[in-house]
Every structure is written in C-alpha cells, then in structure tokens.
Amino acid sequence: MQPSNIDAPKLEHINTPTVSTSQAAFYLTRKPQTLRSWAAFQTGPIQPLRINGRLAWPVAELQKILGVQK
C-alpha cells in the first residue's frame, strides 16, 4: 500500500535528474526503507547517487526500469 500523502507527478513529466527516496519508492511501489536497504547493501535494480549524505534516485534509471517513455 502506498502512502496517500505523496504528491508525485507522473514519472514521464518529471524535469529533474533525480527524485527523493519517498518519490522513488512511490514509483517502484516499494517502501522507502526497501530502497534504503538497496542503497546500503548495493542490491536491487537501481542504485542511488549520494549527494551530501542524501540519496537521490536517477529519474532516467527509474524510467528505464519501469519502461516509461519520456
């Protein structure tokens, strides 16, 4: 079940190069902690960038994994 309080546009409409862990989890229909685990153990279908200690998930990779055309 996805949190209903996330205001996320359709993945093909995102203009930024990365999204937050919460947004990436929403698009991948996973819990944010699952993505944090993927990052910590370097597992999972996508790896984040680390920017000032924060995780940033590449939109291009999300689109590729989910088969979304921009």
N, C-alpha and C. Protein backbone atom coordinates (compact mmCIF):
# COMPACT_ATOMS: atom_id res chain seq x y z
N MET A 1 0.84 -1.17 0.00
CA MET A 1 0.00 0.00 0.00
C MET A 1 0.89 1.24 0.00
N GLN A 2 0.56 2.19 -0.84
CA GLN A 2 1.35 3.42 -0.96
C GLN A 2 0.77 4.52 -0.08
N PRO A 3 1.65 5.33 0.48
CA PRO A 3 1.15 6.47 1.26
C PRO A 3 0.36 7.40 0.37
N SER A 4 -0.74 7.91 0.86
CA SER A 4 -1.58 8.78 0.06
C SER A 4 -1.14 10.25 0.15
N ASN A 5 -0.17 10.54 1.01
CA ASN A 5 0.22 11.94 1.19
C ASN A 5 1.36 12.36 0.26
N ILE A 6 1.80 11.49 -0.62
CA ILE A 6 2.87 11.86 -1.55
C ILE A 6 2.24 12.46 -2.79
N ASP A 7 2.67 13.67 -3.10
CA ASP A 7 2.17 14.37 -4.28
C ASP A 7 3.22 14.17 -5.37
N ALA A 8 3.09 13.11 -6.16
CA ALA A 8 4.08 12.79 -7.17
C ALA A 8 3.47 12.87 -8.56
N PRO A 9 4.09 13.66 -9.44
CA PRO A 9 3.59 13.72 -10.82
C PRO A 9 3.93 12.42 -11.55
N LYS A 10 3.35 12.24 -12.70
CA LYS A 10 3.67 11.06 -13.50
C LYS A 10 5.16 11.08 -13.80
N LEU A 11 5.75 9.92 -13.82
CA LEU A 11 7.19 9.79 -14.00
C LEU A 11 7.67 10.43 -15.30
N GLU A 12 6.89 10.35 -16.35
CA GLU A 12 7.31 10.93 -17.62
C GLU A 12 7.28 12.46 -17.63
N HIS A 13 6.67 13.06 -16.61
CA HIS A 13 6.59 14.52 -16.53
C HIS A 13 7.63 15.16 -15.61
N ILE A 14 8.49 14.37 -15.02
CA ILE A 14 9.49 14.90 -14.10
C ILE A 14 10.63 15.55 -14.88
N ASN A 15 10.99 16.77 -14.50
CA ASN A 15 12.02 17.54 -15.20
C ASN A 15 13.37 17.49 -14.50
N THR A 16 13.43 17.01 -13.27
CA THR A 16 14.69 16.98 -12.52
C THR A 16 15.43 15.67 -12.80
N PRO A 17 16.74 15.67 -12.64
CA PRO A 17 17.51 14.46 -12.91
C PRO A 17 17.34 13.36 -11.86
N THR A 18 16.96 13.75 -10.63
CA THR A 18 16.79 12.78 -9.56
C THR A 18 15.53 13.06 -8.76
N VAL A 19 15.09 12.05 -8.00
CA VAL A 19 13.96 12.21 -7.08
C VAL A 19 14.38 11.69 -5.71
N SER A 20 13.59 12.03 -4.72
CA SER A 20 13.86 11.60 -3.34
C SER A 20 13.56 10.11 -3.18
N THR A 21 13.98 9.57 -2.06
CA THR A 21 13.70 8.16 -1.76
C THR A 21 12.20 7.91 -1.69
N SER A 22 11.45 8.82 -1.07
CA SER A 22 9.99 8.64 -0.97
C SER A 22 9.34 8.61 -2.34
N GLN A 23 9.76 9.51 -3.22
CA GLN A 23 9.18 9.53 -4.56
C GLN A 23 9.57 8.27 -5.35
N ALA A 24 10.83 7.88 -5.27
CA ALA A 24 11.27 6.68 -5.99
C ALA A 24 10.51 5.46 -5.49
N ALA A 25 10.31 5.37 -4.18
CA ALA A 25 9.55 4.25 -3.61
C ALA A 25 8.13 4.24 -4.13
N PHE A 26 7.54 5.40 -4.26
CA PHE A 26 6.18 5.51 -4.79
C PHE A 26 6.13 4.93 -6.21
N TYR A 27 7.06 5.36 -7.07
CA TYR A 27 7.05 4.89 -8.46
C TYR A 27 7.34 3.39 -8.57
N LEU A 28 8.18 2.88 -7.69
CA LEU A 28 8.55 1.46 -7.74
C LEU A 28 7.60 0.58 -6.91
N THR A 29 6.61 1.18 -6.31
CA THR A 29 5.65 0.50 -5.43
C THR A 29 6.37 -0.34 -4.37
N ARG A 30 7.32 0.30 -3.71
CA ARG A 30 8.06 -0.29 -2.60
C ARG A 30 8.03 0.70 -1.44
N LYS A 31 8.39 0.23 -0.28
CA LYS A 31 8.51 1.12 0.87
C LYS A 31 9.86 1.82 0.81
N PRO A 32 9.93 3.06 1.31
CA PRO A 32 11.21 3.78 1.29
C PRO A 32 12.35 3.01 1.96
N GLN A 33 12.04 2.27 3.00
CA GLN A 33 13.09 1.52 3.69
C GLN A 33 13.68 0.43 2.80
N THR A 34 12.89 -0.10 1.89
CA THR A 34 13.40 -1.09 0.93
C THR A 34 14.46 -0.45 0.05
N LEU A 35 14.20 0.76 -0.42
CA LEU A 35 15.18 1.45 -1.26
C LEU A 35 16.42 1.81 -0.47
N ARG A 36 16.25 2.19 0.78
CA ARG A 36 17.42 2.48 1.62
C ARG A 36 18.28 1.23 1.81
N SER A 37 17.62 0.09 1.93
CA SER A 37 18.33 -1.18 2.03
C SER A 37 19.09 -1.48 0.74
N TRP A 38 18.45 -1.26 -0.41
CA TRP A 38 19.12 -1.45 -1.69
C TRP A 38 20.39 -0.59 -1.75
N ALA A 39 20.29 0.64 -1.27
CA ALA A 39 21.43 1.55 -1.31
C ALA A 39 22.54 1.09 -0.36
N ALA A 40 22.17 0.68 0.83
CA ALA A 40 23.16 0.27 1.83
C ALA A 40 23.90 -0.99 1.43
N PHE A 41 23.18 -1.95 0.87
CA PHE A 41 23.78 -3.24 0.53
C PHE A 41 24.12 -3.36 -0.95
N GLN A 42 23.89 -2.30 -1.71
CA GLN A 42 24.14 -2.26 -3.15
C GLN A 42 23.47 -3.43 -3.87
N THR A 43 22.20 -3.61 -3.55
CA THR A 43 21.38 -4.62 -4.19
C THR A 43 20.21 -3.91 -4.86
N GLY A 44 19.36 -4.64 -5.50
CA GLY A 44 18.20 -4.03 -6.12
C GLY A 44 18.47 -3.62 -7.56
N PRO A 45 17.42 -3.26 -8.27
CA PRO A 45 17.54 -2.96 -9.70
C PRO A 45 18.11 -1.58 -10.01
N ILE A 46 18.27 -0.73 -9.01
CA ILE A 46 18.74 0.64 -9.24
C ILE A 46 19.56 1.08 -8.04
N GLN A 47 20.58 1.88 -8.30
CA GLN A 47 21.41 2.42 -7.23
C GLN A 47 21.30 3.94 -7.25
N PRO A 48 21.23 4.53 -6.07
CA PRO A 48 21.09 5.99 -5.99
C PRO A 48 22.43 6.69 -6.07
N LEU A 49 22.36 7.98 -6.29
CA LEU A 49 23.51 8.86 -6.14
C LEU A 49 23.48 9.33 -4.69
N ARG A 50 24.63 9.60 -4.14
CA ARG A 50 24.69 10.15 -2.80
C ARG A 50 25.14 11.60 -2.91
N ILE A 51 24.27 12.50 -2.49
CA ILE A 51 24.55 13.92 -2.58
C ILE A 51 24.46 14.51 -1.17
N ASN A 52 25.61 14.94 -0.65
CA ASN A 52 25.69 15.48 0.72
C ASN A 52 25.06 14.53 1.74
N GLY A 53 25.31 13.25 1.58
CA GLY A 53 24.80 12.26 2.52
C GLY A 53 23.36 11.83 2.29
N ARG A 54 22.73 12.39 1.30
CA ARG A 54 21.34 12.03 0.99
C ARG A 54 21.30 11.18 -0.27
N LEU A 55 20.26 10.35 -0.35
CA LEU A 55 20.09 9.50 -1.51
C LEU A 55 19.25 10.22 -2.57
N ALA A 56 19.71 10.17 -3.79
CA ALA A 56 19.00 10.76 -4.91
C ALA A 56 18.89 9.69 -5.99
N TRP A 57 17.68 9.40 -6.41
CA TRP A 57 17.42 8.30 -7.34
C TRP A 57 17.27 8.85 -8.75
N PRO A 58 18.11 8.39 -9.69
CA PRO A 58 18.09 8.91 -11.06
C PRO A 58 16.76 8.63 -11.78
N VAL A 59 16.14 9.67 -12.27
CA VAL A 59 14.86 9.54 -12.96
C VAL A 59 15.02 8.70 -14.23
N ALA A 60 16.11 8.89 -14.96
CA ALA A 60 16.32 8.13 -16.19
C ALA A 60 16.36 6.63 -15.92
N GLU A 61 16.98 6.23 -14.81
CA GLU A 61 17.04 4.82 -14.45
C GLU A 61 15.66 4.29 -14.05
N LEU A 62 14.91 5.10 -13.30
CA LEU A 62 13.55 4.71 -12.94
C LEU A 62 12.70 4.51 -14.18
N GLN A 63 12.81 5.44 -15.13
CA GLN A 63 12.03 5.33 -16.36
C GLN A 63 12.42 4.08 -17.14
N LYS A 64 13.72 3.79 -17.18
CA LYS A 64 14.21 2.61 -17.88
C LYS A 64 13.67 1.32 -17.25
N ILE A 65 13.75 1.23 -15.93
CA ILE A 65 13.29 0.04 -15.21
C ILE A 65 11.79 -0.17 -15.40
N LEU A 66 11.04 0.93 -15.36
CA LEU A 66 9.58 0.85 -15.45
C LEU A 66 9.05 0.90 -16.87
N GLY A 67 9.95 1.07 -17.85
CA GLY A 67 9.53 1.10 -19.25
C GLY A 67 8.72 2.32 -19.62
N VAL A 68 9.05 3.44 -19.00
CA VAL A 68 8.32 4.70 -19.25
C VAL A 68 9.06 5.49 -20.33
N GLN A 69 8.35 5.91 -21.34
CA GLN A 69 8.91 6.75 -22.40
C GLN A 69 8.74 8.20 -22.03
N LYS A 70 9.77 8.98 -22.20
CA LYS A 70 9.66 10.42 -21.90
C LYS A 70 9.21 11.19 -23.10
